[in-house]
Each structure stands twice: as structure tokens, then as C-alpha cells.
Amino acid sequence: MKVVTTPTQLLEGFPVGPHGTTKCQHCEYRLYEGDRVTVLASRPADTDRWAIHRPYCVACSPDTITEPTLGCTELLAECRLGTRADLPTQQTRFVALEPEIHDSSPPSNRATEPEAIPTPNR
């Protein structure tokens, strides 16, 4: 069964980084609960699974997707880091809260075609 959703709904509550800790992709600053971050989320065209990777601190946040990956839908979003707790396992994870989409790239884009990058509706 497929469910239609908006990119903002998709990213709300989505896990960011490994269990309990994550660092800025560029400067390796350790990110904390409540920090504003920019994340890059992607989904290969041949799957329904999304992944958030490349979290960036405010100082290192890119404004656009400068090198889109051919074959992947990508979303660049600013969000606040929150914590989700799994009480039975006593584990916590960072999750994306209040995401705002800043840029997107369809699977047909390539880094060699910067003019093909769509402008997101804001």
C-alpha cells in the first residue's frame, strides 16, 4: 500500500544520524537536541525507502542541492533536532522536527545540469 504525503510530512519525526549522536557533515561539530540543522534526504528511484544523511550545522548549511544525484529524489530541509525515546530498549534517536523544505531535486537531475534543478514551492 502506498500513501501520498508531502515532503514536510515525510520528514517530520524522521530519524537523523545514528543512535543518540550525530555530527555536522562538513565541520564535524557535535549536534545536540534543539539545534537547528539542515539535512539532505534522498530516495533512490527504484525503492520506496527514504534516508536522511548529511546533517549540517547552521554555519555549514548549504542553500541548495549543488550536486544532485542521478537516479535519486533529494530534499534539502532545515529542521530542529528533537529526541525520540524507545522506553523498552532505553535507546534514543535524534529526529527531524518542524522541517522546512529549501530545495529539491528529481531523479532525472545530474550535477552536470545545474539549470535543471527545480525551484521548490515555498
N, C-alpha and C. Protein backbone atom coordinates (compact mmCIF):
# COMPACT_ATOMS: atom_id res chain seq x y z
N MET A 1 0.84 -1.17 0.00
CA MET A 1 0.00 0.00 0.00
C MET A 1 0.89 1.24 0.00
N LYS A 2 0.58 2.18 -0.87
CA LYS A 2 1.32 3.43 -0.92
C LYS A 2 0.46 4.55 -0.34
N VAL A 3 1.12 5.44 0.38
CA VAL A 3 0.45 6.57 0.99
C VAL A 3 1.03 7.84 0.38
N VAL A 4 0.18 8.74 -0.05
CA VAL A 4 0.63 10.01 -0.62
C VAL A 4 0.81 11.00 0.53
N THR A 5 1.96 11.68 0.55
CA THR A 5 2.26 12.64 1.61
C THR A 5 3.08 13.78 1.04
N THR A 6 3.18 14.86 1.79
CA THR A 6 4.01 15.98 1.37
C THR A 6 5.43 15.76 1.89
N PRO A 7 6.44 16.40 1.30
CA PRO A 7 7.80 16.27 1.81
C PRO A 7 7.92 16.69 3.27
N THR A 8 7.20 17.72 3.67
CA THR A 8 7.26 18.18 5.06
C THR A 8 6.71 17.11 6.00
N GLN A 9 5.58 16.50 5.64
CA GLN A 9 5.01 15.42 6.45
C GLN A 9 5.95 14.22 6.50
N LEU A 10 6.60 13.94 5.40
CA LEU A 10 7.52 12.81 5.32
C LEU A 10 8.68 12.97 6.30
N LEU A 11 9.25 14.16 6.38
CA LEU A 11 10.44 14.38 7.19
C LEU A 11 10.14 14.58 8.68
N GLU A 12 8.93 15.00 9.02
CA GLU A 12 8.57 15.23 10.43
C GLU A 12 8.73 13.93 11.22
N GLY A 13 9.61 13.94 12.23
CA GLY A 13 9.84 12.77 13.07
C GLY A 13 10.77 11.73 12.48
N PHE A 14 11.35 12.00 11.31
CA PHE A 14 12.25 11.04 10.65
C PHE A 14 13.59 10.99 11.39
N PRO A 15 14.17 9.81 11.63
CA PRO A 15 15.45 9.70 12.33
C PRO A 15 16.59 10.41 11.59
N VAL A 16 17.46 11.07 12.37
CA VAL A 16 18.63 11.77 11.83
C VAL A 16 19.87 11.21 12.52
N GLY A 17 20.76 10.61 11.78
CA GLY A 17 22.01 10.10 12.33
C GLY A 17 21.85 8.81 13.11
N PRO A 18 22.99 8.29 13.60
CA PRO A 18 22.97 7.05 14.38
C PRO A 18 22.35 7.29 15.76
N HIS A 19 22.16 6.24 16.53
CA HIS A 19 21.52 6.32 17.84
C HIS A 19 22.19 7.35 18.75
N GLY A 20 21.40 8.36 19.16
CA GLY A 20 21.82 9.28 20.20
C GLY A 20 22.84 10.34 19.88
N THR A 21 23.49 10.29 18.74
CA THR A 21 24.51 11.29 18.44
C THR A 21 24.62 11.49 16.94
N THR A 22 24.99 12.69 16.56
CA THR A 22 25.27 12.96 15.15
C THR A 22 26.15 14.20 15.06
N LYS A 23 26.89 14.31 13.96
CA LYS A 23 27.82 15.42 13.75
C LYS A 23 27.54 16.10 12.42
N CYS A 24 27.97 17.36 12.32
CA CYS A 24 27.87 18.09 11.06
C CYS A 24 28.73 17.38 10.02
N GLN A 25 28.17 17.19 8.85
CA GLN A 25 28.87 16.52 7.76
C GLN A 25 30.13 17.26 7.34
N HIS A 26 30.14 18.59 7.49
CA HIS A 26 31.26 19.39 6.99
C HIS A 26 32.33 19.64 8.06
N CYS A 27 31.94 20.18 9.22
CA CYS A 27 32.93 20.58 10.23
C CYS A 27 33.03 19.61 11.40
N GLU A 28 32.18 18.59 11.44
CA GLU A 28 32.13 17.57 12.49
C GLU A 28 31.74 18.11 13.86
N TYR A 29 31.09 19.28 13.90
CA TYR A 29 30.54 19.80 15.15
C TYR A 29 29.49 18.83 15.66
N ARG A 30 29.56 18.49 16.93
CA ARG A 30 28.57 17.57 17.51
C ARG A 30 27.25 18.31 17.68
N LEU A 31 26.19 17.75 17.15
CA LEU A 31 24.87 18.36 17.19
C LEU A 31 24.10 17.88 18.41
N TYR A 32 23.27 18.78 18.96
CA TYR A 32 22.53 18.48 20.17
C TYR A 32 21.04 18.69 19.97
N GLU A 33 20.26 18.10 20.87
CA GLU A 33 18.81 18.29 20.84
C GLU A 33 18.48 19.78 20.89
N GLY A 34 17.58 20.21 20.02
CA GLY A 34 17.19 21.61 19.96
C GLY A 34 17.95 22.41 18.92
N ASP A 35 19.07 21.88 18.41
CA ASP A 35 19.85 22.59 17.39
C ASP A 35 19.07 22.70 16.09
N ARG A 36 19.24 23.83 15.40
CA ARG A 36 18.73 23.98 14.03
C ARG A 36 19.77 23.36 13.11
N VAL A 37 19.33 22.51 12.20
CA VAL A 37 20.23 21.85 11.26
C VAL A 37 19.60 21.83 9.87
N THR A 38 20.43 21.59 8.88
CA THR A 38 19.95 21.32 7.53
C THR A 38 20.29 19.88 7.22
N VAL A 39 19.34 19.15 6.66
CA VAL A 39 19.57 17.75 6.33
C VAL A 39 19.29 17.51 4.85
N LEU A 40 19.99 16.55 4.30
CA LEU A 40 19.74 16.10 2.93
C LEU A 40 19.09 14.73 3.03
N ALA A 41 17.89 14.61 2.50
CA ALA A 41 17.18 13.33 2.48
C ALA A 41 17.13 12.85 1.04
N SER A 42 17.23 11.54 0.85
CA SER A 42 17.20 11.02 -0.52
C SER A 42 16.45 9.70 -0.59
N ARG A 43 15.97 9.42 -1.81
CA ARG A 43 15.29 8.16 -2.09
C ARG A 43 15.67 7.74 -3.50
N PRO A 44 16.36 6.59 -3.64
CA PRO A 44 16.65 6.09 -4.98
C PRO A 44 15.35 5.80 -5.73
N ALA A 45 15.37 5.99 -7.04
CA ALA A 45 14.17 5.83 -7.87
C ALA A 45 13.60 4.41 -7.83
N ASP A 46 14.43 3.42 -7.54
CA ASP A 46 13.97 2.03 -7.57
C ASP A 46 13.48 1.52 -6.21
N THR A 47 13.28 2.41 -5.23
CA THR A 47 12.83 1.99 -3.91
C THR A 47 11.85 3.01 -3.33
N ASP A 48 11.14 2.59 -2.29
CA ASP A 48 10.23 3.49 -1.59
C ASP A 48 10.84 4.01 -0.29
N ARG A 49 12.06 3.62 0.01
CA ARG A 49 12.70 3.98 1.28
C ARG A 49 13.49 5.28 1.19
N TRP A 50 13.23 6.15 2.15
CA TRP A 50 13.95 7.41 2.27
C TRP A 50 15.02 7.27 3.33
N ALA A 51 16.07 8.06 3.22
CA ALA A 51 17.12 8.12 4.24
C ALA A 51 17.53 9.58 4.40
N ILE A 52 17.77 9.96 5.64
CA ILE A 52 18.34 11.28 5.91
C ILE A 52 19.81 11.08 6.16
N HIS A 53 20.59 11.79 5.40
CA HIS A 53 22.03 11.76 5.60
C HIS A 53 22.56 13.17 5.41
N ARG A 54 23.78 13.37 5.71
CA ARG A 54 24.43 14.68 5.61
C ARG A 54 23.74 15.76 6.43
N PRO A 55 23.72 15.63 7.75
CA PRO A 55 23.24 16.74 8.56
C PRO A 55 24.31 17.84 8.61
N TYR A 56 23.88 19.09 8.57
CA TYR A 56 24.80 20.23 8.61
C TYR A 56 24.40 21.17 9.74
N CYS A 57 25.39 21.74 10.45
CA CYS A 57 25.11 22.77 11.44
C CYS A 57 24.73 24.06 10.72
N VAL A 58 24.27 25.06 11.46
CA VAL A 58 23.82 26.32 10.86
C VAL A 58 24.95 26.99 10.07
N ALA A 59 26.16 26.95 10.59
CA ALA A 59 27.29 27.62 9.93
C ALA A 59 27.67 26.96 8.60
N CYS A 60 27.44 25.67 8.46
CA CYS A 60 27.85 24.94 7.26
C CYS A 60 26.70 24.62 6.31
N SER A 61 25.49 25.03 6.64
CA SER A 61 24.30 24.66 5.86
C SER A 61 24.36 25.15 4.43
N PRO A 62 24.20 24.25 3.45
CA PRO A 62 24.10 24.69 2.05
C PRO A 62 22.72 25.29 1.79
N ASP A 63 22.65 26.19 0.82
CA ASP A 63 21.38 26.82 0.46
C ASP A 63 20.60 26.01 -0.58
N THR A 64 21.35 25.27 -1.41
CA THR A 64 20.73 24.50 -2.48
C THR A 64 21.42 23.14 -2.61
N ILE A 65 20.81 22.27 -3.38
CA ILE A 65 21.44 21.00 -3.73
C ILE A 65 22.33 21.29 -4.93
N THR A 66 23.62 21.42 -4.70
CA THR A 66 24.53 21.84 -5.77
C THR A 66 24.95 20.69 -6.68
N GLU A 67 24.95 19.47 -6.16
CA GLU A 67 25.36 18.32 -6.96
C GLU A 67 24.30 17.22 -6.83
N PRO A 68 23.19 17.34 -7.56
CA PRO A 68 22.14 16.32 -7.48
C PRO A 68 22.65 14.94 -7.90
N THR A 69 22.10 13.92 -7.30
CA THR A 69 22.48 12.55 -7.61
C THR A 69 21.51 11.99 -8.64
N LEU A 70 22.04 11.57 -9.78
CA LEU A 70 21.21 10.97 -10.82
C LEU A 70 20.57 9.69 -10.28
N GLY A 71 19.28 9.55 -10.46
CA GLY A 71 18.58 8.35 -10.01
C GLY A 71 18.00 8.46 -8.60
N CYS A 72 18.18 9.61 -7.95
CA CYS A 72 17.65 9.81 -6.60
C CYS A 72 16.81 11.07 -6.52
N THR A 73 15.71 10.99 -5.82
CA THR A 73 14.97 12.19 -5.44
C THR A 73 15.61 12.69 -4.17
N GLU A 74 15.92 13.99 -4.11
CA GLU A 74 16.59 14.54 -2.94
C GLU A 74 15.82 15.75 -2.42
N LEU A 75 15.85 15.91 -1.10
CA LEU A 75 15.23 17.04 -0.43
C LEU A 75 16.25 17.68 0.50
N LEU A 76 16.36 18.99 0.46
CA LEU A 76 17.21 19.73 1.38
C LEU A 76 16.27 20.50 2.31
N ALA A 77 16.36 20.24 3.61
CA ALA A 77 15.42 20.84 4.55
C ALA A 77 16.12 21.33 5.80
N GLU A 78 15.62 22.43 6.32
CA GLU A 78 16.07 22.92 7.62
C GLU A 78 15.08 22.40 8.66
N CYS A 79 15.60 21.98 9.81
CA CYS A 79 14.73 21.46 10.86
C CYS A 79 15.38 21.68 12.22
N ARG A 80 14.64 21.34 13.25
CA ARG A 80 15.16 21.36 14.61
C ARG A 80 15.32 19.90 15.03
N LEU A 81 16.40 19.61 15.77
CA LEU A 81 16.61 18.24 16.24
C LEU A 81 15.83 18.01 17.52
N GLY A 82 15.08 16.93 17.54
CA GLY A 82 14.38 16.50 18.74
C GLY A 82 14.85 15.11 19.10
N THR A 83 14.37 14.58 20.19
CA THR A 83 14.77 13.24 20.63
C THR A 83 13.53 12.36 20.72
N ARG A 84 13.66 11.17 20.16
CA ARG A 84 12.61 10.16 20.28
C ARG A 84 13.18 9.04 21.15
N ALA A 85 12.44 8.66 22.17
CA ALA A 85 12.89 7.62 23.09
C ALA A 85 12.11 6.33 22.87
N ASP A 86 12.83 5.22 22.90
CA ASP A 86 12.22 3.89 22.87
C ASP A 86 12.40 3.32 24.27
N LEU A 87 11.36 3.44 25.09
CA LEU A 87 11.49 3.08 26.50
C LEU A 87 11.84 1.62 26.75
N PRO A 88 11.24 0.63 26.04
CA PRO A 88 11.61 -0.76 26.32
C PRO A 88 13.10 -1.05 26.08
N THR A 89 13.70 -0.42 25.05
CA THR A 89 15.12 -0.68 24.78
C THR A 89 16.02 0.37 25.42
N GLN A 90 15.42 1.42 25.99
CA GLN A 90 16.14 2.53 26.62
C GLN A 90 17.14 3.17 25.66
N GLN A 91 16.71 3.34 24.41
CA GLN A 91 17.53 3.99 23.41
C GLN A 91 16.84 5.26 22.93
N THR A 92 17.65 6.24 22.54
CA THR A 92 17.11 7.48 21.99
C THR A 92 17.73 7.74 20.63
N ARG A 93 17.00 8.51 19.82
CA ARG A 93 17.49 8.90 18.49
C ARG A 93 17.09 10.34 18.24
N PHE A 94 17.93 11.04 17.49
CA PHE A 94 17.54 12.36 17.02
C PHE A 94 16.55 12.20 15.89
N VAL A 95 15.56 13.10 15.85
CA VAL A 95 14.58 13.12 14.78
C VAL A 95 14.41 14.54 14.28
N ALA A 96 13.95 14.67 13.05
CA ALA A 96 13.69 15.99 12.45
C ALA A 96 12.35 16.51 12.93
N LEU A 97 12.35 17.75 13.42
CA LEU A 97 11.12 18.41 13.86
C LEU A 97 10.95 19.71 13.09
N GLU A 98 9.73 20.05 12.77
CA GLU A 98 9.39 21.30 12.09
C GLU A 98 10.22 21.52 10.81
N PRO A 99 10.28 20.52 9.93
CA PRO A 99 11.10 20.68 8.71
C PRO A 99 10.53 21.73 7.76
N GLU A 100 11.43 22.46 7.13
CA GLU A 100 11.08 23.43 6.09
C GLU A 100 11.91 23.09 4.86
N ILE A 101 11.27 22.73 3.77
CA ILE A 101 11.98 22.35 2.55
C ILE A 101 12.58 23.59 1.90
N HIS A 102 13.89 23.52 1.61
CA HIS A 102 14.59 24.64 0.97
C HIS A 102 14.91 24.36 -0.50
N ASP A 103 15.07 23.09 -0.86
CA ASP A 103 15.39 22.74 -2.24
C ASP A 103 15.01 21.28 -2.47
N SER A 104 14.84 20.92 -3.73
CA SER A 104 14.54 19.54 -4.09
C SER A 104 15.14 19.23 -5.45
N SER A 105 15.33 17.94 -5.70
CA SER A 105 15.92 17.50 -6.95
C SER A 105 15.26 16.19 -7.36
N PRO A 106 14.68 16.11 -8.56
CA PRO A 106 14.08 14.86 -9.02
C PRO A 106 15.17 13.88 -9.47
N PRO A 107 14.82 12.60 -9.64
CA PRO A 107 15.82 11.60 -10.02
C PRO A 107 16.46 11.83 -11.38
N SER A 108 15.85 12.66 -12.23
CA SER A 108 16.41 12.89 -13.57
C SER A 108 17.53 13.93 -13.59
N ASN A 109 17.74 14.65 -12.48
CA ASN A 109 18.80 15.67 -12.45
C ASN A 109 20.18 15.04 -12.29
N ARG A 110 21.16 15.74 -12.85
CA ARG A 110 22.57 15.36 -12.69
C ARG A 110 23.33 16.60 -12.27
N ALA A 111 24.46 16.41 -11.63
CA ALA A 111 25.28 17.53 -11.19
C ALA A 111 25.79 18.35 -12.37
N THR A 112 25.84 17.76 -13.56
CA THR A 112 26.34 18.49 -14.73
C THR A 112 25.28 19.36 -15.37
N GLU A 113 24.05 19.30 -14.86
CA GLU A 113 22.95 20.09 -15.41
C GLU A 113 22.36 21.01 -14.33
N PRO A 114 23.11 22.00 -13.83
CA PRO A 114 22.59 22.83 -12.75
C PRO A 114 21.34 23.60 -13.12
N GLU A 115 21.14 23.89 -14.41
CA GLU A 115 19.94 24.62 -14.82
C GLU A 115 18.68 23.77 -14.70
N ALA A 116 18.84 22.46 -14.51
CA ALA A 116 17.69 21.57 -14.42
C ALA A 116 17.16 21.44 -12.99
N ILE A 117 17.83 22.06 -12.02
CA ILE A 117 17.41 21.96 -10.63
C ILE A 117 16.12 22.75 -10.44
N PRO A 118 15.05 22.10 -9.96
CA PRO A 118 13.78 22.81 -9.81
C PRO A 118 13.80 23.75 -8.61
N THR A 119 13.02 24.79 -8.67
CA THR A 119 12.84 25.69 -7.54
C THR A 119 11.64 25.20 -6.75
N PRO A 120 11.83 24.92 -5.44
CA PRO A 120 10.71 24.39 -4.66
C PRO A 120 9.64 25.46 -4.44
N ASN A 121 8.41 25.02 -4.30
CA ASN A 121 7.32 25.93 -3.94
C ASN A 121 7.41 26.21 -2.45
N ARG A 122 7.43 27.47 -2.08
CA ARG A 122 7.55 27.80 -0.65
C ARG A 122 6.33 28.47 -0.14
